[in-house]
PDB file of N, CA and C in Angstrom:
ATOM      1  N   UNK A   1       6.201  14.850  -9.314  1.00  0.00           N
ATOM      2  CA  UNK A   1       5.563  13.928  -9.586  1.00  0.00           C
ATOM      3  C   UNK A   1       6.258  12.965 -10.141  1.00  0.00           C
ATOM      4  N   UNK A   2       5.288  11.438 -10.458  1.00  0.00           N
ATOM      5  CA  UNK A   2       6.187  10.583 -11.572  1.00  0.00           C
ATOM      6  C   UNK A   2       6.946   9.746 -10.737  1.00  0.00           C
ATOM      7  N   UNK A   3       6.787   9.910  -9.362  1.00  0.00           N
ATOM      8  CA  UNK A   3       7.713   8.607  -8.647  1.00  0.00           C
ATOM      9  C   UNK A   3       7.321   7.306  -8.560  1.00  0.00           C
ATOM     10  N   UNK A   4       8.066   6.567  -8.301  1.00  0.00           N
ATOM     11  CA  UNK A   4       7.654   5.146  -8.778  1.00  0.00           C
ATOM     12  C   UNK A   4       7.317   4.570  -6.966  1.00  0.00           C
ATOM     13  N   UNK A   5       5.940   4.301  -7.005  1.00  0.00           N
ATOM     14  CA  UNK A   5       5.586   4.054  -5.626  1.00  0.00           C
ATOM     15  C   UNK A   5       5.948   2.057  -5.532  1.00  0.00           C
ATOM     16  N   UNK A   6       6.270   1.693  -4.493  1.00  0.00           N
ATOM     17  CA  UNK A   6       6.891   0.335  -4.014  1.00  0.00           C
ATOM     18  C   UNK A   6       5.384  -0.173  -2.897  1.00  0.00           C
ATOM     19  N   UNK A   7       5.294  -1.257  -2.979  1.00  0.00           N
ATOM     20  CA  UNK A   7       4.350  -1.710  -2.358  1.00  0.00           C
ATOM     21  C   UNK A   7       3.941  -3.478  -2.243  1.00  0.00           C
ATOM     22  N   UNK A   8       2.976  -3.972  -1.922  1.00  0.00           N
ATOM     23  CA  UNK A   8       2.893  -5.326  -1.672  1.00  0.00           C
ATOM     24  C   UNK A   8       1.125  -5.631  -2.062  1.00  0.00           C
ATOM     25  N   UNK A   9       1.042  -6.287  -2.631  1.00  0.00           N
ATOM     26  CA  UNK A   9       0.027  -6.845  -2.947  1.00  0.00           C
ATOM     27  C   UNK A   9      -0.866  -8.231  -2.186  1.00  0.00           C
ATOM     28  N   UNK A  10      -1.345  -8.293  -1.205  1.00  0.00           N
ATOM     29  CA  UNK A  10      -1.315  -9.262  -0.321  1.00  0.00           C
ATOM     30  C   UNK A  10      -2.835 -10.266  -0.048  1.00  0.00           C
ATOM     31  N   UNK A  11      -2.702 -11.469  -0.486  1.00  0.00           N
ATOM     32  CA  UNK A  11      -3.816 -12.313  -0.650  1.00  0.00           C
ATOM     33  C   UNK A  11      -3.748 -13.611   0.630  1.00  0.00           C
ATOM     34  N   UNK A  12      -4.895 -13.660   1.301  1.00  0.00           N
ATOM     35  CA  UNK A  12      -4.918 -14.956   1.713  1.00  0.00           C
ATOM     36  C   UNK A  12      -4.398 -16.278   1.115  1.00  0.00           C
ATOM     37  N   UNK A  13      -3.583 -16.766   1.490  1.00  0.00           N
ATOM     38  CA  UNK A  13      -2.998 -18.266   1.129  1.00  0.00           C
ATOM     39  C   UNK A  13      -4.157 -19.095   0.277  1.00  0.00           C
ATOM     40  N   UNK A  14      -5.006 -19.167   1.128  1.00  0.00           N
ATOM     41  CA  UNK A  14      -6.121 -20.364   0.595  1.00  0.00           C
ATOM     42  C   UNK A  14      -7.237 -19.717  -0.263  1.00  0.00           C
ATOM     43  N   UNK A  15      -7.174 -18.276  -0.954  1.00  0.00           N
ATOM     44  CA  UNK A  15      -7.572 -17.543  -1.695  1.00  0.00           C
ATOM     45  C   UNK A  15      -7.060 -17.352  -2.963  1.00  0.00           C
ATOM     46  N   UNK A  16      -5.416 -17.486  -2.628  1.00  0.00           N
ATOM     47  CA  UNK A  16      -4.697 -16.508  -3.565  1.00  0.00           C
ATOM     48  C   UNK A  16      -5.128 -16.777  -5.150  1.00  0.00           C
ATOM     49  N   UNK A  17      -5.855 -17.481  -5.870  1.00  0.00           N
ATOM     50  CA  UNK A  17      -6.056 -17.417  -7.235  1.00  0.00           C
ATOM     51  C   UNK A  17      -7.605 -17.383  -6.972  1.00  0.00           C
ATOM     52  N   UNK A  18      -8.031 -16.239  -6.586  1.00  0.00           N
ATOM     53  CA  UNK A  18      -9.512 -16.084  -6.698  1.00  0.00           C
ATOM     54  C   UNK A  18      -9.492 -14.543  -6.740  1.00  0.00           C
ATOM     55  N   UNK A  19     -10.410 -13.863  -7.292  1.00  0.00           N
ATOM     56  CA  UNK A  19     -10.868 -12.546  -7.416  1.00  0.00           C
ATOM     57  C   UNK A  19     -11.273 -12.196  -6.064  1.00  0.00           C
ATOM     58  N   UNK A  20     -10.654 -11.074  -5.243  1.00  0.00           N
ATOM     59  CA  UNK A  20     -11.515 -10.473  -3.737  1.00  0.00           C
ATOM     60  C   UNK A  20     -11.458  -9.328  -4.152  1.00  0.00           C
ATOM     61  N   UNK A  21     -12.585  -8.951  -3.044  1.00  0.00           N
ATOM     62  CA  UNK A  21     -12.586  -7.712  -2.772  1.00  0.00           C
ATOM     63  C   UNK A  21     -11.057  -6.961  -2.064  1.00  0.00           C
ATOM     64  N   UNK A  22     -10.404  -5.586  -2.459  1.00  0.00           N
ATOM     65  CA  UNK A  22      -9.009  -4.926  -1.281  1.00  0.00           C
ATOM     66  C   UNK A  22      -8.997  -3.891  -0.929  1.00  0.00           C
ATOM     67  N   UNK A  23      -8.498  -3.947  -0.078  1.00  0.00           N
ATOM     68  CA  UNK A  23      -8.657  -2.373   0.977  1.00  0.00           C
ATOM     69  C   UNK A  23      -7.186  -2.284   0.463  1.00  0.00           C
ATOM     70  N   UNK A  24      -6.843  -0.892   0.495  1.00  0.00           N
ATOM     71  CA  UNK A  24      -5.510  -0.054   0.150  1.00  0.00           C
ATOM     72  C   UNK A  24      -5.266   0.584   1.781  1.00  0.00           C
ATOM     73  N   UNK A  25      -3.832   0.173   2.067  1.00  0.00           N
ATOM     74  CA  UNK A  25      -3.217   0.828   3.475  1.00  0.00           C
ATOM     75  C   UNK A  25      -2.056   1.604   2.864  1.00  0.00           C
ATOM     76  N   UNK A  26      -1.805   2.239   3.397  1.00  0.00           N
ATOM     77  CA  UNK A  26      -0.488   3.429   3.297  1.00  0.00           C
ATOM     78  C   UNK A  26      -0.246   3.999   5.261  1.00  0.00           C
ATOM     79  N   UNK A  27       0.431   4.316   5.393  1.00  0.00           N
ATOM     80  CA  UNK A  27       0.958   5.210   6.686  1.00  0.00           C
ATOM     81  C   UNK A  27       0.898   6.519   6.503  1.00  0.00           C
ATOM     82  N   UNK A  28       0.993   7.062   7.634  1.00  0.00           N
ATOM     83  CA  UNK A  28       0.882   8.444   8.265  1.00  0.00           C
ATOM     84  C   UNK A  28       2.357   9.065   7.475  1.00  0.00           C
ATOM     85  N   UNK A  29       2.329  10.070   8.463  1.00  0.00           N
ATOM     86  CA  UNK A  29       3.425  11.086   7.885  1.00  0.00           C
ATOM     87  C   UNK A  29       4.911  10.546   8.163  1.00  0.00           C
ATOM     88  N   UNK A  30       5.022   9.465   8.935  1.00  0.00           N
ATOM     89  CA  UNK A  30       6.480   9.166   9.654  1.00  0.00           C
ATOM     90  C   UNK A  30       6.875   7.856   9.571  1.00  0.00           C
ATOM     91  N   UNK A  31       6.026   6.936   8.744  1.00  0.00           N
ATOM     92  CA  UNK A  31       6.607   5.603   8.857  1.00  0.00           C
ATOM     93  C   UNK A  31       6.492   5.198   7.343  1.00  0.00           C
ATOM     94  N   UNK A  32       6.607   4.029   7.761  1.00  0.00           N
ATOM     95  CA  UNK A  32       6.815   2.937   6.148  1.00  0.00           C
ATOM     96  C   UNK A  32       5.831   1.705   6.333  1.00  0.00           C
ATOM     97  N   UNK A  33       5.926   1.197   5.518  1.00  0.00           N
ATOM     98  CA  UNK A  33       4.639   0.031   5.338  1.00  0.00           C
ATOM     99  C   UNK A  33       5.592  -1.422   6.204  1.00  0.00           C
ATOM    100  N   UNK A  34       6.835  -1.145   6.070  1.00  0.00           N
ATOM    101  CA  UNK A  34       7.771  -2.264   7.070  1.00  0.00           C
ATOM    102  C   UNK A  34       7.818  -2.479   8.690  1.00  0.00           C
ATOM    103  N   UNK A  35       7.007  -0.929   8.744  1.00  0.00           N
ATOM    104  CA  UNK A  35       6.885  -0.572  10.611  1.00  0.00           C
ATOM    105  C   UNK A  35       5.470  -1.346  10.917  1.00  0.00           C
ATOM    106  N   UNK A  36       4.897  -2.376  10.530  1.00  0.00           N
ATOM    107  CA  UNK A  36       3.834  -2.982  10.744  1.00  0.00           C
ATOM    108  C   UNK A  36       2.661  -2.835   9.996  1.00  0.00           C
ATOM    109  N   UNK A  37       2.977  -2.057   9.021  1.00  0.00           N
ATOM    110  CA  UNK A  37       1.570  -1.986   8.312  1.00  0.00           C
ATOM    111  C   UNK A  37       1.262  -3.409   7.133  1.00  0.00           C
ATOM    112  N   UNK A  38       2.883  -3.857   6.704  1.00  0.00           N
ATOM    113  CA  UNK A  38       2.433  -5.518   6.226  1.00  0.00           C
ATOM    114  C   UNK A  38       1.782  -6.540   7.370  1.00  0.00           C
ATOM    115  N   UNK A  39       1.897  -6.336   8.769  1.00  0.00           N
ATOM    116  CA  UNK A  39       1.684  -7.545   9.079  1.00  0.00           C
ATOM    117  C   UNK A  39       0.204  -6.961   9.563  1.00  0.00           C
ATOM    118  N   UNK A  40      -0.259  -6.109   9.661  1.00  0.00           N
ATOM    119  CA  UNK A  40      -1.556  -5.836   9.792  1.00  0.00           C
ATOM    120  C   UNK A  40      -2.748  -5.696   8.508  1.00  0.00           C
ATOM    121  N   UNK A  41      -1.990  -6.001   7.451  1.00  0.00           N
ATOM    122  CA  UNK A  41      -2.367  -6.142   6.061  1.00  0.00           C
ATOM    123  C   UNK A  41      -2.594  -8.010   6.098  1.00  0.00           C
ATOM    124  N   UNK A  42      -1.539  -8.438   6.578  1.00  0.00           N
ATOM    125  CA  UNK A  42      -1.900 -10.197   6.452  1.00  0.00           C
ATOM    126  C   UNK A  42      -2.888 -10.302   7.549  1.00  0.00           C
ATOM    127  N   UNK A  43      -2.998 -10.084   8.530  1.00  0.00           N
ATOM    128  CA  UNK A  43      -3.822  -9.961   9.492  1.00  0.00           C
ATOM    129  C   UNK A  43      -5.278 -10.051   9.252  1.00  0.00           C
ATOM    130  N   UNK A  44      -6.001  -9.005   8.734  1.00  0.00           N
ATOM    131  CA  UNK A  44      -6.497  -8.218   7.965  1.00  0.00           C
ATOM    132  C   UNK A  44      -6.945  -9.043   6.796  1.00  0.00           C
ATOM    133  N   UNK A  45      -6.329  -9.563   6.254  1.00  0.00           N
ATOM    134  CA  UNK A  45      -6.471 -10.375   4.732  1.00  0.00           C
ATOM    135  C   UNK A  45      -7.154 -12.140   5.309  1.00  0.00           C
ATOM    136  N   UNK A  46      -6.429 -12.725   6.609  1.00  0.00           N
ATOM    137  CA  UNK A  46      -6.379 -13.615   6.836  1.00  0.00           C
ATOM    138  C   UNK A  46      -7.963 -13.841   7.791  1.00  0.00           C
ATOM    139  N   UNK A  47      -8.150 -12.966   8.131  1.00  0.00           N
ATOM    140  CA  UNK A  47      -9.266 -12.667   9.150  1.00  0.00           C
ATOM    141  C   UNK A  47     -10.876 -12.474   8.051  1.00  0.00           C
ATOM    142  N   UNK A  48     -10.576 -11.115   7.013  1.00  0.00           N
ATOM    143  CA  UNK A  48     -11.230 -10.940   6.846  1.00  0.00           C
ATOM    144  C   UNK A  48     -12.026 -11.354   5.086  1.00  0.00           C
ATOM    145  N   UNK A  49     -10.881 -12.669   4.818  1.00  0.00           N
ATOM    146  CA  UNK A  49     -10.825 -12.965   3.584  1.00  0.00           C
ATOM    147  C   UNK A  49     -10.737 -12.269   2.210  1.00  0.00           C
ATOM    148  N   UNK A  50      -9.773 -10.911   2.294  1.00  0.00           N
ATOM    149  CA  UNK A  50      -9.289 -10.061   1.377  1.00  0.00           C
ATOM    150  C   UNK A  50      -8.417 -10.215   0.988  1.00  0.00           C
ATOM    151  N   UNK A  51      -8.220  -9.152   0.168  1.00  0.00           N
ATOM    152  CA  UNK A  51      -6.726  -8.798  -0.166  1.00  0.00           C
ATOM    153  C   UNK A  51      -6.164  -7.616   0.107  1.00  0.00           C
ATOM    154  N   UNK A  52      -5.259  -7.044   0.211  1.00  0.00           N
ATOM    155  CA  UNK A  52      -4.406  -5.585   0.605  1.00  0.00           C
ATOM    156  C   UNK A  52      -3.538  -5.410  -0.175  1.00  0.00           C
ATOM    157  N   UNK A  53      -3.522  -4.249  -0.615  1.00  0.00           N
ATOM    158  CA  UNK A  53      -2.474  -3.939  -1.483  1.00  0.00           C
ATOM    159  C   UNK A  53      -1.723  -2.667  -0.548  1.00  0.00           C
ATOM    160  N   UNK A  54      -0.862  -2.826   0.165  1.00  0.00           N
ATOM    161  CA  UNK A  54       0.179  -1.851   1.027  1.00  0.00           C
ATOM    162  C   UNK A  54       1.029  -0.914   0.211  1.00  0.00           C
ATOM    163  N   UNK A  55       1.495   0.328   0.162  1.00  0.00           N
ATOM    164  CA  UNK A  55       2.629   1.043  -0.515  1.00  0.00           C
ATOM    165  C   UNK A  55       2.887   2.130   0.517  1.00  0.00           C
ATOM    166  N   UNK A  56       4.351   2.519   0.413  1.00  0.00           N
ATOM    167  CA  UNK A  56       5.186   3.439   0.876  1.00  0.00           C
ATOM    168  C   UNK A  56       4.717   4.559   0.084  1.00  0.00           C
ATOM    169  N   UNK A  57       4.153   5.858   0.555  1.00  0.00           N
ATOM    170  CA  UNK A  57       3.923   7.136  -0.146  1.00  0.00           C
ATOM    171  C   UNK A  57       5.728   7.852  -0.365  1.00  0.00           C
ATOM    172  N   UNK A  58       5.479   8.416  -1.973  1.00  0.00           N
ATOM    173  CA  UNK A  58       6.346   9.087  -2.258  1.00  0.00           C
ATOM    174  C   UNK A  58       7.370   9.830  -1.302  1.00  0.00           C
ATOM    175  N   UNK A  59       8.814   9.278  -1.392  1.00  0.00           N
ATOM    176  CA  UNK A  59       9.735   9.831  -0.709  1.00  0.00           C
ATOM    177  C   UNK A  59       9.548   9.165   0.794  1.00  0.00           C
ATOM    178  N   UNK A  60       9.091   7.851   1.086  1.00  0.00           N
ATOM    179  CA  UNK A  60       8.927   6.880   2.024  1.00  0.00           C
ATOM    180  C   UNK A  60       9.362   5.692   1.717  1.00  0.00           C
ATOM    181  N   UNK A  61      10.387   5.136   2.546  1.00  0.00           N
ATOM    182  CA  UNK A  61      10.628   3.515   2.350  1.00  0.00           C
ATOM    183  C   UNK A  61      11.201   3.077   1.300  1.00  0.00           C
ATOM    184  N   UNK A  62      10.768   2.493   0.317  1.00  0.00           N
ATOM    185  CA  UNK A  62      11.094   1.616  -0.893  1.00  0.00           C
ATOM    186  C   UNK A  62      10.608   2.630  -2.127  1.00  0.00           C
ATOM    187  N   UNK A  63       9.832   3.817  -1.806  1.00  0.00           N
ATOM    188  CA  UNK A  63       9.154   4.212  -3.001  1.00  0.00           C
ATOM    189  C   UNK A  63       9.959   5.328  -3.219  1.00  0.00           C
ATOM    190  N   UNK A  64      10.148   5.864  -4.620  1.00  0.00           N
ATOM    191  CA  UNK A  64      11.172   6.724  -5.172  1.00  0.00           C
ATOM    192  C   UNK A  64      10.520   8.152  -4.397  1.00  0.00           C
ATOM    193  N   UNK A  65      11.358   9.074  -4.947  1.00  0.00           N
ATOM    194  CA  UNK A  65      10.890  10.943  -4.321  1.00  0.00           C
ATOM    195  C   UNK A  65      11.862  11.255  -3.264  1.00  0.00           C
ATOM    196  N   UNK A  66      11.380  12.753  -3.223  1.00  0.00           N
ATOM    197  CA  UNK A  66      12.317  13.443  -2.453  1.00  0.00           C
ATOM    198  C   UNK A  66      12.133  12.658  -1.035  1.00  0.00           C
ATOM    199  N   UNK A  67      13.100  12.664  -0.409  1.00  0.00           N
ATOM    200  CA  UNK A  67      13.462  11.694   0.763  1.00  0.00           C
ATOM    201  C   UNK A  67      12.000  12.163   2.009  1.00  0.00           C
ATOM    202  N   UNK A  68      11.354  11.926   2.250  1.00  0.00           N
ATOM    203  CA  UNK A  68      10.264  12.225   3.253  1.00  0.00           C
ATOM    204  C   UNK A  68       9.498  13.817   3.289  1.00  0.00           C
ATOM    205  N   UNK A  69       9.644  13.854   2.108  1.00  0.00           N
ATOM    206  CA  UNK A  69       8.548  14.996   1.899  1.00  0.00           C
ATOM    207  C   UNK A  69       7.058  14.663   1.936  1.00  0.00           C
ATOM    208  N   UNK A  70       6.527  15.532   3.192  1.00  0.00           N
ATOM    209  CA  UNK A  70       5.051  15.515   3.520  1.00  0.00           C
ATOM    210  C   UNK A  70       4.311  16.307   2.625  1.00  0.00           C
ATOM    211  N   UNK A  71       4.175  15.857   1.626  1.00  0.00           N
ATOM    212  CA  UNK A  71       3.087  16.582   0.728  1.00  0.00           C
ATOM    213  C   UNK A  71       1.919  15.746   0.421  1.00  0.00           C
ATOM    214  N   UNK A  72       0.906  16.501   0.794  1.00  0.00           N
ATOM    215  CA  UNK A  72      -0.855  15.765   1.005  1.00  0.00           C
ATOM    216  C   UNK A  72      -1.060  15.473  -0.174  1.00  0.00           C
ATOM    217  N   UNK A  73      -1.272  16.276  -1.367  1.00  0.00           N
ATOM    218  CA  UNK A  73      -1.338  16.050  -2.434  1.00  0.00           C
ATOM    219  C   UNK A  73      -0.655  14.862  -3.358  1.00  0.00           C
ATOM    220  N   UNK A  74       0.425  14.720  -2.801  1.00  0.00           N
ATOM    221  CA  UNK A  74       1.360  13.286  -3.414  1.00  0.00           C
ATOM    222  C   UNK A  74       0.771  12.334  -2.705  1.00  0.00           C
ATOM    223  N   UNK A  75       0.327  12.488  -1.694  1.00  0.00           N
ATOM    224  CA  UNK A  75       0.021  11.097  -0.713  1.00  0.00           C
ATOM    225  C   UNK A  75      -1.696  10.920  -1.723  1.00  0.00           C
ATOM    226  N   UNK A  76      -2.505  11.914  -2.148  1.00  0.00           N
ATOM    227  CA  UNK A  76      -3.551  11.147  -2.532  1.00  0.00           C
ATOM    228  C   UNK A  76      -3.420  11.011  -3.808  1.00  0.00           C
ATOM    229  N   UNK A  77      -2.373  11.086  -4.529  1.00  0.00           N
ATOM    230  CA  UNK A  77      -2.469  10.615  -6.138  1.00  0.00           C
ATOM    231  C   UNK A  77      -1.882   9.619  -5.734  1.00  0.00           C
ATOM    232  N   UNK A  78      -0.863   9.130  -4.661  1.00  0.00           N
ATOM    233  CA  UNK A  78      -0.618   7.856  -4.331  1.00  0.00           C
ATOM    234  C   UNK A  78      -1.654   6.729  -3.906  1.00  0.00           C
ATOM    235  N   UNK A  79      -2.704   7.227  -3.528  1.00  0.00           N
ATOM    236  CA  UNK A  79      -3.809   6.369  -3.505  1.00  0.00           C
ATOM    237  C   UNK A  79      -4.697   6.329  -4.693  1.00  0.00           C
ATOM    238  N   UNK A  80      -4.936   7.357  -5.822  1.00  0.00           N
ATOM    239  CA  UNK A  80      -5.439   7.317  -6.607  1.00  0.00           C
ATOM    240  C   UNK A  80      -4.808   6.149  -8.114  1.00  0.00           C
ATOM    241  N   UNK A  81      -3.229   6.477  -7.624  1.00  0.00           N
ATOM    242  CA  UNK A  81      -2.756   5.456  -8.496  1.00  0.00           C
ATOM    243  C   UNK A  81      -2.605   3.990  -8.160  1.00  0.00           C
ATOM    244  N   UNK A  82      -3.050   3.959  -6.805  1.00  0.00           N
ATOM    245  CA  UNK A  82      -2.672   2.485  -6.052  1.00  0.00           C
ATOM    246  C   UNK A  82      -3.984   2.235  -6.713  1.00  0.00           C
ATOM    247  N   UNK A  83      -5.320   2.823  -7.070  1.00  0.00           N
ATOM    248  CA  UNK A  83      -6.583   2.274  -7.212  1.00  0.00           C
ATOM    249  C   UNK A  83      -6.464   1.879  -9.014  1.00  0.00           C
ATOM    250  N   UNK A  84      -6.091   2.939  -9.793  1.00  0.00           N
ATOM    251  CA  UNK A  84      -5.459   2.765 -11.100  1.00  0.00           C
ATOM    252  C   UNK A  84      -4.663   1.242 -11.088  1.00  0.00           C
ATOM    253  N   UNK A  85      -4.127   0.897 -10.180  1.00  0.00           N
ATOM    254  CA  UNK A  85      -3.008  -0.037 -10.698  1.00  0.00           C
ATOM    255  C   UNK A  85      -4.041  -1.192 -10.811  1.00  0.00           C
ATOM    256  N   UNK A  86      -5.181  -1.483  -9.739  1.00  0.00           N
ATOM    257  CA  UNK A  86      -5.866  -2.287  -9.196  1.00  0.00           C
ATOM    258  C   UNK A  86      -6.756  -2.700 -10.463  1.00  0.00           C
ATOM    259  N   UNK A  87      -7.281  -1.768 -11.361  1.00  0.00           N
ATOM    260  CA  UNK A  87      -8.335  -1.736 -12.435  1.00  0.00           C
ATOM    261  C   UNK A  87      -7.742  -2.117 -13.411  1.00  0.00           C
TER     262      UNK A  87
END
């Protein structure tokens, strides 16, 4: 572990300077955030007036780690690290 996870913190433009509830989004075992997740996050943020944090799991997309390693524990840690980043 210890890989760098990369993602985006998305906020509705009209509410960009406010503190908002946040939903964390990541793909499953075969996609990256560039494959529709970011578009979904923008739609959710604008419709619901919340923020979204998207990220690629370790080994996927822009994140570091062994390429396409499907390790469920690593993916779980990715969500926990995302929560830590937000708080």
